[in-house]
Amino acid sequence: MLDHWSNVPRIIWASTLGSLGFLLNLLLGYIIFKYTPDSMKTYSTMIMVMTISDAVNGFCSIMTSVRLISTGSQLFVIFGGICESAFEEKLTKSRFCMYWYALQIQCAMLNSIIMIFSYVFRVYVITMPFDTINQKKIQLVTYGYSLCHFSYFTWGYFMSWSSLESMDAEISKIYPEIIGSNYTYSGVLDVNAPSQIVMNMMSMLASVFVVTVALICKCRIERYLKKFTFTENKKRQHRSLVNVLLYQTVSPFLSLVTITLYVTIGQTGGSTALLENLMPFSLVLLTVVSPTASCILIGPYRTAFLKLWNSSVSKILGSDSRLLKNQDPPLRSTISVTNPV
């Protein structure tokens, strides 16, 4: 059924959470830029890339508000976001909306890869405390990969273009009533094509790979910590570092919800309007989870966030926020990553 009650909650969810995620990531980006201590400059490079990616992801959610239709060898997307008002010509509008959805998927995959970089970086910092890591090398690897990532997958997006007649012929087998309707839709007619298979496989396997690497890194850190005697303060820092690593796996776990539905529906043919609308819910939630976790779990950013919050409350209400008044003892850093700048 093309017209379904779940279309409205999907659009509300994407526009609301997408906007919130976009704003939260802009705030986190400002905090990273202004309040990152020297000891975290190297590590902050990876956080900044993920923050920018999440901000773009949130904006893409507002633009598209997608409903996904998976058939195993094909993927169709019905849009409900503001991209629908961009153009009058149907094919141009379809490709314009599909660009924002493809960008959203690119950002989700980029976050997974950068997260793996950050896990390996943390293991190296803890297990090789006397080695130095040049910040410029980390920036080169991080920014260099990001550029290659977007270049390759943008090429994949252009290679997915099909004529409107071809898309109509294929999607009419699923929803014949969509032809001639006011719905804006697009799709990849063969996800197993050479230009699409890497994007399709990475979108399904990246989250699994991230969780696997996180567990391996956690075990590696714990094994190392058992070999030596540390002060209580140092032990607390290392435990906090491991906890941040584990909390960050929430994002790939949320992605697995979408991937599980995508694969299950595609292989079993059990597609329904409700499942199609539910499929992208977790991807939108990611844009809020990541910056919230960073602001809470990373000490310097948490302190900066509370400082900005208190300043805003003071300006609006003329009084200090209870969040800072009740801080007794003062805030301690939850994470400490020491590396030369």
C-alpha atoms as a PDB file:
ATOM      1  CA  MET A   1       0.000   0.000   0.000  1.00  0.00           C
ATOM      2  CA  LEU A   2       1.601   3.256  -1.142  1.00  0.00           C
ATOM      3  CA  ASP A   3      -0.542   5.577   0.979  1.00  0.00           C
ATOM      4  CA  HIS A   4      -0.071   4.504   4.585  1.00  0.00           C
ATOM      5  CA  TRP A   5      -0.440   6.111   8.014  1.00  0.00           C
ATOM      6  CA  SER A   6       3.250   5.445   8.787  1.00  0.00           C
ATOM      7  CA  ASN A   7       4.327   7.877   6.042  1.00  0.00           C
ATOM      8  CA  VAL A   8       3.558  10.824   8.333  1.00  0.00           C
ATOM      9  CA  PRO A   9       5.518   9.611  11.427  1.00  0.00           C
ATOM     10  CA  ARG A  10       8.464   8.855   9.153  1.00  0.00           C
ATOM     11  CA  ILE A  11       8.566  12.404   7.791  1.00  0.00           C
ATOM     12  CA  ILE A  12       8.109  13.936  11.263  1.00  0.00           C
ATOM     13  CA  TRP A  13      10.864  11.705  12.689  1.00  0.00           C
ATOM     14  CA  ALA A  14      13.342  12.527   9.919  1.00  0.00           C
ATOM     15  CA  SER A  15      12.702  16.272   9.930  1.00  0.00           C
ATOM     16  CA  THR A  16      12.729  16.583  13.742  1.00  0.00           C
ATOM     17  CA  LEU A  17      15.668  14.290  14.567  1.00  0.00           C
ATOM     18  CA  GLY A  18      17.561  15.417  11.477  1.00  0.00           C
ATOM     19  CA  SER A  19      17.276  19.072  12.522  1.00  0.00           C
ATOM     20  CA  LEU A  20      18.272  18.274  16.110  1.00  0.00           C
ATOM     21  CA  GLY A  21      21.227  16.178  14.960  1.00  0.00           C
ATOM     22  CA  PHE A  22      22.358  18.888  12.554  1.00  0.00           C
ATOM     23  CA  LEU A  23      22.308  21.552  15.288  1.00  0.00           C
ATOM     24  CA  LEU A  24      23.946  19.321  17.919  1.00  0.00           C
ATOM     25  CA  ASN A  25      26.788  18.472  15.556  1.00  0.00           C
ATOM     26  CA  LEU A  26      27.306  22.127  14.681  1.00  0.00           C
ATOM     27  CA  LEU A  27      27.572  22.835  18.412  1.00  0.00           C
ATOM     28  CA  LEU A  28      29.979  19.935  18.941  1.00  0.00           C
ATOM     29  CA  GLY A  29      32.080  21.107  15.987  1.00  0.00           C
ATOM     30  CA  TYR A  30      32.362  24.551  17.581  1.00  0.00           C
ATOM     31  CA  ILE A  31      33.329  22.990  20.933  1.00  0.00           C
ATOM     32  CA  ILE A  32      35.970  20.791  19.291  1.00  0.00           C
ATOM     33  CA  PHE A  33      37.435  23.744  17.415  1.00  0.00           C
ATOM     34  CA  LYS A  34      37.522  26.095  20.398  1.00  0.00           C
ATOM     35  CA  TYR A  35      37.916  23.943  23.514  1.00  0.00           C
ATOM     36  CA  THR A  36      40.032  20.915  22.555  1.00  0.00           C
ATOM     37  CA  PRO A  37      43.074  20.750  24.893  1.00  0.00           C
ATOM     38  CA  ASP A  38      46.531  20.323  23.407  1.00  0.00           C
ATOM     39  CA  SER A  39      46.741  16.724  24.648  1.00  0.00           C
ATOM     40  CA  MET A  40      43.719  15.811  22.494  1.00  0.00           C
ATOM     41  CA  LYS A  41      44.579  17.671  19.293  1.00  0.00           C
ATOM     42  CA  THR A  42      45.525  14.513  17.394  1.00  0.00           C
ATOM     43  CA  TYR A  43      42.513  12.530  18.559  1.00  0.00           C
ATOM     44  CA  SER A  44      40.156  15.462  17.898  1.00  0.00           C
ATOM     45  CA  THR A  45      40.911  15.228  14.161  1.00  0.00           C
ATOM     46  CA  MET A  46      38.916  12.009  13.933  1.00  0.00           C
ATOM     47  CA  ILE A  47      36.118  13.330  16.147  1.00  0.00           C
ATOM     48  CA  MET A  48      35.824  16.427  13.954  1.00  0.00           C
ATOM     49  CA  VAL A  49      35.504  14.362  10.766  1.00  0.00           C
ATOM     50  CA  MET A  50      32.743  12.233  12.337  1.00  0.00           C
ATOM     51  CA  THR A  51      31.016  15.373  13.619  1.00  0.00           C
ATOM     52  CA  ILE A  52      31.002  17.012  10.187  1.00  0.00           C
ATOM     53  CA  SER A  53      29.777  13.751   8.668  1.00  0.00           C
ATOM     54  CA  ASP A  54      26.953  13.498  11.226  1.00  0.00           C
ATOM     55  CA  ALA A  55      25.944  17.117  10.585  1.00  0.00           C
ATOM     56  CA  VAL A  56      25.695  16.406   6.848  1.00  0.00           C
ATOM     57  CA  ASN A  57      23.786  13.209   7.652  1.00  0.00           C
ATOM     58  CA  GLY A  58      21.247  15.186   9.693  1.00  0.00           C
ATOM     59  CA  PHE A  59      20.814  17.724   6.900  1.00  0.00           C
ATOM     60  CA  CYS A  60      20.330  14.907   4.383  1.00  0.00           C
ATOM     61  CA  SER A  61      17.614  13.420   6.602  1.00  0.00           C
ATOM     62  CA  ILE A  62      15.731  16.717   6.458  1.00  0.00           C
ATOM     63  CA  MET A  63      16.164  16.881   2.698  1.00  0.00           C
ATOM     64  CA  THR A  64      14.997  13.336   1.934  1.00  0.00           C
ATOM     65  CA  SER A  65      12.848  11.709   4.709  1.00  0.00           C
ATOM     66  CA  VAL A  66      13.153   8.437   2.835  1.00  0.00           C
ATOM     67  CA  ARG A  67      11.031   5.317   2.617  1.00  0.00           C
ATOM     68  CA  LEU A  68      13.135   2.343   1.483  1.00  0.00           C
ATOM     69  CA  ILE A  69      11.954  -0.479  -0.752  1.00  0.00           C
ATOM     70  CA  SER A  70      14.381  -3.395  -0.961  1.00  0.00           C
ATOM     71  CA  THR A  71      13.895  -6.265  -3.402  1.00  0.00           C
ATOM     72  CA  GLY A  72      17.259  -7.998  -3.062  1.00  0.00           C
ATOM     73  CA  SER A  73      18.729  -6.973  -6.394  1.00  0.00           C
ATOM     74  CA  GLN A  74      17.135  -3.516  -6.474  1.00  0.00           C
ATOM     75  CA  LEU A  75      16.663  -0.586  -4.130  1.00  0.00           C
ATOM     76  CA  PHE A  76      13.972   2.041  -4.492  1.00  0.00           C
ATOM     77  CA  VAL A  77      13.590   5.192  -2.434  1.00  0.00           C
ATOM     78  CA  ILE A  78      10.441   7.268  -1.983  1.00  0.00           C
ATOM     79  CA  PHE A  79      11.137  10.784  -0.749  1.00  0.00           C
ATOM     80  CA  GLY A  80       9.137  12.934   1.631  1.00  0.00           C
ATOM     81  CA  GLY A  81      11.590  15.717   2.468  1.00  0.00           C
ATOM     82  CA  ILE A  82      12.077  19.266   1.265  1.00  0.00           C
ATOM     83  CA  CYS A  83      14.071  18.101  -1.783  1.00  0.00           C
ATOM     84  CA  GLU A  84      10.698  17.478  -3.465  1.00  0.00           C
ATOM     85  CA  SER A  85      10.146  21.210  -3.825  1.00  0.00           C
ATOM     86  CA  ALA A  86      13.473  21.845  -5.585  1.00  0.00           C
ATOM     87  CA  PHE A  87      12.576  21.196  -9.244  1.00  0.00           C
ATOM     88  CA  GLU A  88       9.504  20.769 -11.405  1.00  0.00           C
ATOM     89  CA  GLU A  89      10.928  18.342 -13.957  1.00  0.00           C
ATOM     90  CA  LYS A  90      10.389  14.808 -12.618  1.00  0.00           C
ATOM     91  CA  LEU A  91      13.703  13.174 -13.559  1.00  0.00           C
ATOM     92  CA  THR A  92      15.783  16.137 -12.345  1.00  0.00           C
ATOM     93  CA  LYS A  93      13.903  16.175  -9.052  1.00  0.00           C
ATOM     94  CA  SER A  94      14.377  12.417  -8.685  1.00  0.00           C
ATOM     95  CA  ARG A  95      18.140  12.599  -9.242  1.00  0.00           C
ATOM     96  CA  PHE A  96      18.482  15.646  -6.986  1.00  0.00           C
ATOM     97  CA  CYS A  97      16.729  13.869  -4.106  1.00  0.00           C
ATOM     98  CA  MET A  98      18.706  10.683  -4.740  1.00  0.00           C
ATOM     99  CA  TYR A  99      21.938  12.659  -4.460  1.00  0.00           C
ATOM    100  CA  TRP A 100      21.102  13.660  -0.874  1.00  0.00           C
ATOM    101  CA  TYR A 101      20.190  10.099   0.029  1.00  0.00           C
ATOM    102  CA  ALA A 102      23.432   8.783  -1.520  1.00  0.00           C
ATOM    103  CA  LEU A 103      25.341  11.439   0.450  1.00  0.00           C
ATOM    104  CA  GLN A 104      23.630  10.281   3.645  1.00  0.00           C
ATOM    105  CA  ILE A 105      24.739   6.691   3.035  1.00  0.00           C
ATOM    106  CA  GLN A 106      28.267   7.877   2.232  1.00  0.00           C
ATOM    107  CA  CYS A 107      28.419   9.754   5.539  1.00  0.00           C
ATOM    108  CA  ALA A 108      27.177   6.742   7.504  1.00  0.00           C
ATOM    109  CA  MET A 109      29.854   4.533   5.940  1.00  0.00           C
ATOM    110  CA  LEU A 110      32.556   7.178   6.439  1.00  0.00           C
ATOM    111  CA  ASN A 111      31.708   7.350  10.140  1.00  0.00           C
ATOM    112  CA  SER A 112      32.178   3.604  10.430  1.00  0.00           C
ATOM    113  CA  ILE A 113      35.619   3.731   8.826  1.00  0.00           C
ATOM    114  CA  ILE A 114      36.782   6.727  10.887  1.00  0.00           C
ATOM    115  CA  MET A 115      35.477   4.994  14.008  1.00  0.00           C
ATOM    116  CA  ILE A 116      37.748   2.057  13.213  1.00  0.00           C
ATOM    117  CA  PHE A 117      40.655   4.503  12.849  1.00  0.00           C
ATOM    118  CA  SER A 118      39.837   5.928  16.283  1.00  0.00           C
ATOM    119  CA  TYR A 119      39.697   2.475  17.898  1.00  0.00           C
ATOM    120  CA  VAL A 120      43.119   1.540  16.508  1.00  0.00           C
ATOM    121  CA  PHE A 121      44.465   4.934  17.569  1.00  0.00           C
ATOM    122  CA  ARG A 122      43.305   4.415  21.155  1.00  0.00           C
ATOM    123  CA  VAL A 123      44.848   0.964  21.349  1.00  0.00           C
ATOM    124  CA  TYR A 124      48.128   2.402  20.069  1.00  0.00           C
ATOM    125  CA  VAL A 125      48.061   5.274  22.586  1.00  0.00           C
ATOM    126  CA  ILE A 126      47.503   2.918  25.519  1.00  0.00           C
ATOM    127  CA  THR A 127      49.781   0.038  24.532  1.00  0.00           C
ATOM    128  CA  MET A 128      52.582   2.204  23.110  1.00  0.00           C
ATOM    129  CA  PRO A 129      52.632   5.124  25.570  1.00  0.00           C
ATOM    130  CA  PHE A 130      56.225   6.141  24.785  1.00  0.00           C
ATOM    131  CA  ASP A 131      55.772   6.287  21.023  1.00  0.00           C
ATOM    132  CA  THR A 132      54.867   9.559  19.365  1.00  0.00           C
ATOM    133  CA  ILE A 133      52.173  10.052  16.757  1.00  0.00           C
ATOM    134  CA  ASN A 134      52.537  13.005  14.459  1.00  0.00           C
ATOM    135  CA  GLN A 135      49.288  14.945  14.193  1.00  0.00           C
ATOM    136  CA  LYS A 136      49.905  15.803  10.544  1.00  0.00           C
ATOM    137  CA  LYS A 137      50.122  12.113   9.660  1.00  0.00           C
ATOM    138  CA  ILE A 138      46.787  11.453  11.372  1.00  0.00           C
ATOM    139  CA  GLN A 139      45.262  14.386   9.499  1.00  0.00           C
ATOM    140  CA  LEU A 140      46.701  13.150   6.215  1.00  0.00           C
ATOM    141  CA  VAL A 141      45.271   9.662   6.709  1.00  0.00           C
ATOM    142  CA  THR A 142      41.896  10.879   7.985  1.00  0.00           C
ATOM    143  CA  TYR A 143      41.257  13.708   5.532  1.00  0.00           C
ATOM    144  CA  GLY A 144      42.905  11.830   2.686  1.00  0.00           C
ATOM    145  CA  TYR A 145      40.683   8.808   3.134  1.00  0.00           C
ATOM    146  CA  SER A 146      37.584  11.023   3.490  1.00  0.00           C
ATOM    147  CA  LEU A 147      38.351  12.708   0.151  1.00  0.00           C
ATOM    148  CA  CYS A 148      38.884   9.361  -1.598  1.00  0.00           C
ATOM    149  CA  HIS A 149      35.753   7.978   0.066  1.00  0.00           C
ATOM    150  CA  PHE A 150      33.466  10.739  -1.197  1.00  0.00           C
ATOM    151  CA  SER A 151      35.072  10.787  -4.628  1.00  0.00           C
ATOM    152  CA  TYR A 152      34.567   7.062  -5.152  1.00  0.00           C
ATOM    153  CA  PHE A 153      31.026   6.845  -3.837  1.00  0.00           C
ATOM    154  CA  THR A 154      29.914   9.997  -5.663  1.00  0.00           C
ATOM    155  CA  TRP A 155      31.082   8.281  -8.837  1.00  0.00           C
ATOM    156  CA  GLY A 156      28.963   5.285  -7.776  1.00  0.00           C
ATOM    157  CA  TYR A 157      25.961   7.600  -7.433  1.00  0.00           C
ATOM    158  CA  PHE A 158      26.351   8.931 -10.985  1.00  0.00           C
ATOM    159  CA  MET A 159      26.768   5.413 -12.320  1.00  0.00           C
ATOM    160  CA  SER A 160      23.428   4.438 -10.751  1.00  0.00           C
ATOM    161  CA  TRP A 161      21.479   6.842 -12.975  1.00  0.00           C
ATOM    162  CA  SER A 162      18.683   5.264 -15.004  1.00  0.00           C
ATOM    163  CA  SER A 163      16.031   6.653 -17.295  1.00  0.00           C
ATOM    164  CA  LEU A 164      12.669   7.509 -15.809  1.00  0.00           C
ATOM    165  CA  GLU A 165      11.042   4.918 -18.070  1.00  0.00           C
ATOM    166  CA  SER A 166      13.286   2.155 -16.713  1.00  0.00           C
ATOM    167  CA  MET A 167      12.581   3.092 -13.110  1.00  0.00           C
ATOM    168  CA  ASP A 168       8.845   3.299 -13.809  1.00  0.00           C
ATOM    169  CA  ALA A 169       8.862  -0.162 -15.377  1.00  0.00           C
ATOM    170  CA  GLU A 170      10.587  -1.724 -12.362  1.00  0.00           C
ATOM    171  CA  ILE A 171       8.845   0.043  -9.477  1.00  0.00           C
ATOM    172  CA  SER A 172       5.430  -0.464 -11.074  1.00  0.00           C
ATOM    173  CA  LYS A 173       5.891  -4.185 -10.374  1.00  0.00           C
ATOM    174  CA  ILE A 174       5.789  -3.360  -6.665  1.00  0.00           C
ATOM    175  CA  TYR A 175       3.582  -0.265  -6.475  1.00  0.00           C
ATOM    176  CA  PRO A 176       1.781   0.251  -9.807  1.00  0.00           C
ATOM    177  CA  GLU A 177      -0.196   3.132  -8.319  1.00  0.00           C
ATOM    178  CA  ILE A 178       2.997   5.208  -7.993  1.00  0.00           C
ATOM    179  CA  ILE A 179       3.039   5.828 -11.761  1.00  0.00           C
ATOM    180  CA  GLY A 180       1.364   9.138 -12.428  1.00  0.00           C
ATOM    181  CA  SER A 181       1.184   9.988  -8.715  1.00  0.00           C
ATOM    182  CA  ASN A 182       2.720  12.984  -6.967  1.00  0.00           C
ATOM    183  CA  TYR A 183       5.341  10.836  -5.224  1.00  0.00           C
ATOM    184  CA  THR A 184       9.018  11.523  -5.935  1.00  0.00           C
ATOM    185  CA  TYR A 185      11.057   8.348  -6.187  1.00  0.00           C
ATOM    186  CA  SER A 186      14.334   7.008  -7.472  1.00  0.00           C
ATOM    187  CA  GLY A 187      16.272   3.783  -7.313  1.00  0.00           C
ATOM    188  CA  VAL A 188      19.219   1.574  -8.123  1.00  0.00           C
ATOM    189  CA  LEU A 189      18.046  -0.985 -10.634  1.00  0.00           C
ATOM    190  CA  ASP A 190      20.922  -3.399 -10.026  1.00  0.00           C
ATOM    191  CA  VAL A 191      22.761  -3.207  -6.697  1.00  0.00           C
ATOM    192  CA  ASN A 192      25.037  -6.021  -7.905  1.00  0.00           C
ATOM    193  CA  ALA A 193      26.381  -4.016 -10.837  1.00  0.00           C
ATOM    194  CA  PRO A 194      30.177  -3.456 -10.737  1.00  0.00           C
ATOM    195  CA  SER A 195      29.738   0.241  -9.893  1.00  0.00           C
ATOM    196  CA  GLN A 196      27.254  -0.490  -7.086  1.00  0.00           C
ATOM    197  CA  ILE A 197      28.414  -3.681  -5.462  1.00  0.00           C
ATOM    198  CA  VAL A 198      31.104  -2.053  -3.290  1.00  0.00           C
ATOM    199  CA  MET A 199      28.680   0.546  -1.932  1.00  0.00           C
ATOM    200  CA  ASN A 200      26.006  -2.099  -1.373  1.00  0.00           C
ATOM    201  CA  MET A 201      28.362  -4.526   0.392  1.00  0.00           C
ATOM    202  CA  MET A 202      29.999  -1.815   2.505  1.00  0.00           C
ATOM    203  CA  SER A 203      26.644  -0.469   3.628  1.00  0.00           C
ATOM    204  CA  MET A 204      25.754  -3.959   4.869  1.00  0.00           C
ATOM    205  CA  LEU A 205      29.101  -5.059   6.325  1.00  0.00           C
ATOM    206  CA  ALA A 206      30.652  -1.855   7.683  1.00  0.00           C
ATOM    207  CA  SER A 207      28.650  -1.884  10.919  1.00  0.00           C
ATOM    208  CA  VAL A 208      29.462  -5.542  11.601  1.00  0.00           C
ATOM    209  CA  PHE A 209      33.136  -4.835  10.967  1.00  0.00           C
ATOM    210  CA  VAL A 210      33.116  -1.837  13.336  1.00  0.00           C
ATOM    211  CA  VAL A 211      31.604  -3.864  16.186  1.00  0.00           C
ATOM    212  CA  THR A 212      34.125  -6.659  15.598  1.00  0.00           C
ATOM    213  CA  VAL A 213      37.093  -4.257  15.633  1.00  0.00           C
ATOM    214  CA  ALA A 214      35.736  -2.567  18.778  1.00  0.00           C
ATOM    215  CA  LEU A 215      35.594  -5.885  20.646  1.00  0.00           C
ATOM    216  CA  ILE A 216      39.093  -6.840  19.481  1.00  0.00           C
ATOM    217  CA  CYS A 217      40.485  -3.463  20.568  1.00  0.00           C
ATOM    218  CA  LYS A 218      38.750  -3.730  23.949  1.00  0.00           C
ATOM    219  CA  CYS A 219      40.310  -7.146  24.582  1.00  0.00           C
ATOM    220  CA  ARG A 220      43.708  -5.857  23.469  1.00  0.00           C
ATOM    221  CA  ILE A 221      43.527  -2.914  25.885  1.00  0.00           C
ATOM    222  CA  GLU A 222      42.347  -5.030  28.817  1.00  0.00           C
ATOM    223  CA  ARG A 223      45.111  -7.575  28.242  1.00  0.00           C
ATOM    224  CA  TYR A 224      47.684  -4.813  28.261  1.00  0.00           C
ATOM    225  CA  LEU A 225      46.320  -3.182  31.429  1.00  0.00           C
ATOM    226  CA  LYS A 226      46.521  -6.473  33.339  1.00  0.00           C
ATOM    227  CA  LYS A 227      50.263  -6.709  32.714  1.00  0.00           C
ATOM    228  CA  PHE A 228      51.214  -3.520  34.567  1.00  0.00           C
ATOM    229  CA  THR A 229      50.507  -1.682  37.792  1.00  0.00           C
ATOM    230  CA  PHE A 230      49.000   1.775  37.319  1.00  0.00           C
ATOM    231  CA  THR A 231      47.933   4.520  39.696  1.00  0.00           C
ATOM    232  CA  GLU A 232      44.213   4.739  40.406  1.00  0.00           C
ATOM    233  CA  ASN A 233      43.982   7.919  38.363  1.00  0.00           C
ATOM    234  CA  LYS A 234      45.655   6.280  35.371  1.00  0.00           C
ATOM    235  CA  LYS A 235      43.470   3.188  35.694  1.00  0.00           C
ATOM    236  CA  ARG A 236      40.390   5.419  35.756  1.00  0.00           C
ATOM    237  CA  GLN A 237      41.527   7.192  32.600  1.00  0.00           C
ATOM    238  CA  HIS A 238      42.129   3.942  30.760  1.00  0.00           C
ATOM    239  CA  ARG A 239      38.808   2.460  31.884  1.00  0.00           C
ATOM    240  CA  SER A 240      37.057   5.622  30.733  1.00  0.00           C
ATOM    241  CA  LEU A 241      38.775   5.324  27.386  1.00  0.00           C
ATOM    242  CA  VAL A 242      37.535   1.752  26.998  1.00  0.00           C
ATOM    243  CA  ASN A 243      34.023   2.815  28.053  1.00  0.00           C
ATOM    244  CA  VAL A 244      33.939   5.544  25.409  1.00  0.00           C
ATOM    245  CA  LEU A 245      35.025   2.961  22.856  1.00  0.00           C
ATOM    246  CA  LEU A 246      32.153   0.672  23.873  1.00  0.00           C
ATOM    247  CA  TYR A 247      29.567   3.462  23.996  1.00  0.00           C
ATOM    248  CA  GLN A 248      30.479   4.446  20.463  1.00  0.00           C
ATOM    249  CA  THR A 249      29.465   0.987  19.256  1.00  0.00           C
ATOM    250  CA  VAL A 250      25.865   2.112  19.840  1.00  0.00           C
ATOM    251  CA  SER A 251      26.021   3.812  16.440  1.00  0.00           C
ATOM    252  CA  PRO A 252      26.933   0.697  14.407  1.00  0.00           C
ATOM    253  CA  PHE A 253      24.435  -1.348  16.431  1.00  0.00           C
ATOM    254  CA  LEU A 254      21.712   1.116  15.406  1.00  0.00           C
ATOM    255  CA  SER A 255      22.858   0.825  11.807  1.00  0.00           C
ATOM    256  CA  LEU A 256      22.516  -2.948  12.075  1.00  0.00           C
ATOM    257  CA  VAL A 257      18.774  -2.494  12.645  1.00  0.00           C
ATOM    258  CA  THR A 258      18.423  -0.863   9.242  1.00  0.00           C
ATOM    259  CA  ILE A 259      20.774  -3.368   7.591  1.00  0.00           C
ATOM    260  CA  THR A 260      18.910  -6.350   9.078  1.00  0.00           C
ATOM    261  CA  LEU A 261      15.594  -5.069   7.773  1.00  0.00           C
ATOM    262  CA  TYR A 262      17.165  -4.222   4.405  1.00  0.00           C
ATOM    263  CA  VAL A 263      18.606  -7.718   3.929  1.00  0.00           C
ATOM    264  CA  THR A 264      15.623  -9.581   5.420  1.00  0.00           C
ATOM    265  CA  ILE A 265      13.033  -7.749   3.366  1.00  0.00           C
ATOM    266  CA  GLY A 266      15.140  -7.960   0.213  1.00  0.00           C
ATOM    267  CA  GLN A 267      15.729 -11.698   0.500  1.00  0.00           C
ATOM    268  CA  THR A 268      12.305 -12.798   1.772  1.00  0.00           C
ATOM    269  CA  GLY A 269      10.126 -10.379  -0.176  1.00  0.00           C
ATOM    270  CA  GLY A 270       8.260  -9.529   3.029  1.00  0.00           C
ATOM    271  CA  SER A 271       8.076  -5.835   2.325  1.00  0.00           C
ATOM    272  CA  THR A 272       5.252  -3.845   3.903  1.00  0.00           C
ATOM    273  CA  ALA A 273       4.620  -0.114   4.089  1.00  0.00           C
ATOM    274  CA  LEU A 274       5.323  -0.092   7.840  1.00  0.00           C
ATOM    275  CA  LEU A 275       8.676  -1.857   7.508  1.00  0.00           C
ATOM    276  CA  GLU A 276       9.699   0.349   4.594  1.00  0.00           C
ATOM    277  CA  ASN A 277       9.051   3.425   6.710  1.00  0.00           C
ATOM    278  CA  LEU A 278      10.726   1.960   9.793  1.00  0.00           C
ATOM    279  CA  MET A 279      13.896   0.950   7.964  1.00  0.00           C
ATOM    280  CA  PRO A 280      15.626   4.371   7.982  1.00  0.00           C
ATOM    281  CA  PHE A 281      14.587   5.285  11.563  1.00  0.00           C
ATOM    282  CA  SER A 282      17.876   4.185  13.164  1.00  0.00           C
ATOM    283  CA  LEU A 283      19.995   6.002  10.560  1.00  0.00           C
ATOM    284  CA  VAL A 284      18.340   9.286  11.508  1.00  0.00           C
ATOM    285  CA  LEU A 285      18.821   8.578  15.227  1.00  0.00           C
ATOM    286  CA  LEU A 286      22.579   8.214  14.685  1.00  0.00           C
ATOM    287  CA  THR A 287      22.921  11.936  14.076  1.00  0.00           C
ATOM    288  CA  VAL A 288      21.748  12.633  17.644  1.00  0.00           C
ATOM    289  CA  VAL A 289      23.417   9.721  19.466  1.00  0.00           C
ATOM    290  CA  SER A 290      27.008  10.434  18.398  1.00  0.00           C
ATOM    291  CA  PRO A 291      27.257  14.138  19.408  1.00  0.00           C
ATOM    292  CA  THR A 292      25.347  13.486  22.636  1.00  0.00           C
ATOM    293  CA  ALA A 293      27.756  10.699  23.591  1.00  0.00           C
ATOM    294  CA  SER A 294      30.773  12.879  22.771  1.00  0.00           C
ATOM    295  CA  CYS A 295      29.485  15.801  24.864  1.00  0.00           C
ATOM    296  CA  ILE A 296      28.737  13.548  27.840  1.00  0.00           C
ATOM    297  CA  LEU A 297      31.630  11.096  27.810  1.00  0.00           C
ATOM    298  CA  ILE A 298      34.579  13.240  26.730  1.00  0.00           C
ATOM    299  CA  GLY A 299      35.495  15.374  29.735  1.00  0.00           C
ATOM    300  CA  PRO A 300      36.797  18.585  28.099  1.00  0.00           C
ATOM    301  CA  TYR A 301      33.816  18.684  25.748  1.00  0.00           C
ATOM    302  CA  ARG A 302      31.375  18.008  28.568  1.00  0.00           C
ATOM    303  CA  THR A 303      32.854  20.858  30.586  1.00  0.00           C
ATOM    304  CA  ALA A 304      32.715  23.186  27.574  1.00  0.00           C
ATOM    305  CA  PHE A 305      29.117  22.192  26.830  1.00  0.00           C
ATOM    306  CA  LEU A 306      28.039  22.923  30.419  1.00  0.00           C
ATOM    307  CA  LYS A 307      29.904  26.218  30.306  1.00  0.00           C
ATOM    308  CA  LEU A 308      28.056  27.240  27.137  1.00  0.00           C
ATOM    309  CA  TRP A 309      24.763  26.006  28.604  1.00  0.00           C
ATOM    310  CA  ASN A 310      25.281  28.009  31.781  1.00  0.00           C
ATOM    311  CA  SER A 311      26.177  31.101  29.782  1.00  0.00           C
ATOM    312  CA  SER A 312      23.025  30.765  27.667  1.00  0.00           C
ATOM    313  CA  VAL A 313      20.785  30.230  30.699  1.00  0.00           C
ATOM    314  CA  SER A 314      22.348  33.220  32.434  1.00  0.00           C
ATOM    315  CA  LYS A 315      21.659  35.448  29.452  1.00  0.00           C
ATOM    316  CA  ILE A 316      18.068  34.247  29.086  1.00  0.00           C
ATOM    317  CA  LEU A 317      17.007  33.928  32.740  1.00  0.00           C
ATOM    318  CA  GLY A 318      19.578  36.061  34.465  1.00  0.00           C
ATOM    319  CA  SER A 319      20.679  33.195  36.726  1.00  0.00           C
ATOM    320  CA  ASP A 320      23.215  30.380  36.697  1.00  0.00           C
ATOM    321  CA  SER A 321      22.232  26.898  35.551  1.00  0.00           C
ATOM    322  CA  ARG A 322      21.801  24.289  38.284  1.00  0.00           C
ATOM    323  CA  LEU A 323      23.864  21.915  36.158  1.00  0.00           C
ATOM    324  CA  LEU A 324      26.998  23.813  37.104  1.00  0.00           C
ATOM    325  CA  LYS A 325      25.902  24.958  40.549  1.00  0.00           C
ATOM    326  CA  ASN A 326      25.448  21.369  41.629  1.00  0.00           C
ATOM    327  CA  GLN A 327      28.818  20.222  40.322  1.00  0.00           C
ATOM    328  CA  ASP A 328      30.537  19.146  43.528  1.00  0.00           C
ATOM    329  CA  PRO A 329      33.329  18.171  43.247  1.00  0.00           C
ATOM    330  CA  PRO A 330      34.310  19.886  39.969  1.00  0.00           C
ATOM    331  CA  LEU A 331      33.984  17.981  36.752  1.00  0.00           C
ATOM    332  CA  ARG A 332      36.716  15.480  36.009  1.00  0.00           C
ATOM    333  CA  SER A 333      37.750  14.540  32.538  1.00  0.00           C
ATOM    334  CA  THR A 334      36.188  11.277  31.428  1.00  0.00           C
ATOM    335  CA  ILE A 335      38.742  10.694  28.717  1.00  0.00           C
ATOM    336  CA  SER A 336      42.392  11.477  28.499  1.00  0.00           C
ATOM    337  CA  VAL A 337      44.266  10.935  25.267  1.00  0.00           C
ATOM    338  CA  THR A 338      47.803  12.202  25.513  1.00  0.00           C
ATOM    339  CA  ASN A 339      49.732  12.668  22.301  1.00  0.00           C
ATOM    340  CA  PRO A 340      52.103  15.299  21.012  1.00  0.00           C
ATOM    341  CA  VAL A 341      50.540  17.934  18.816  1.00  0.00           C
END
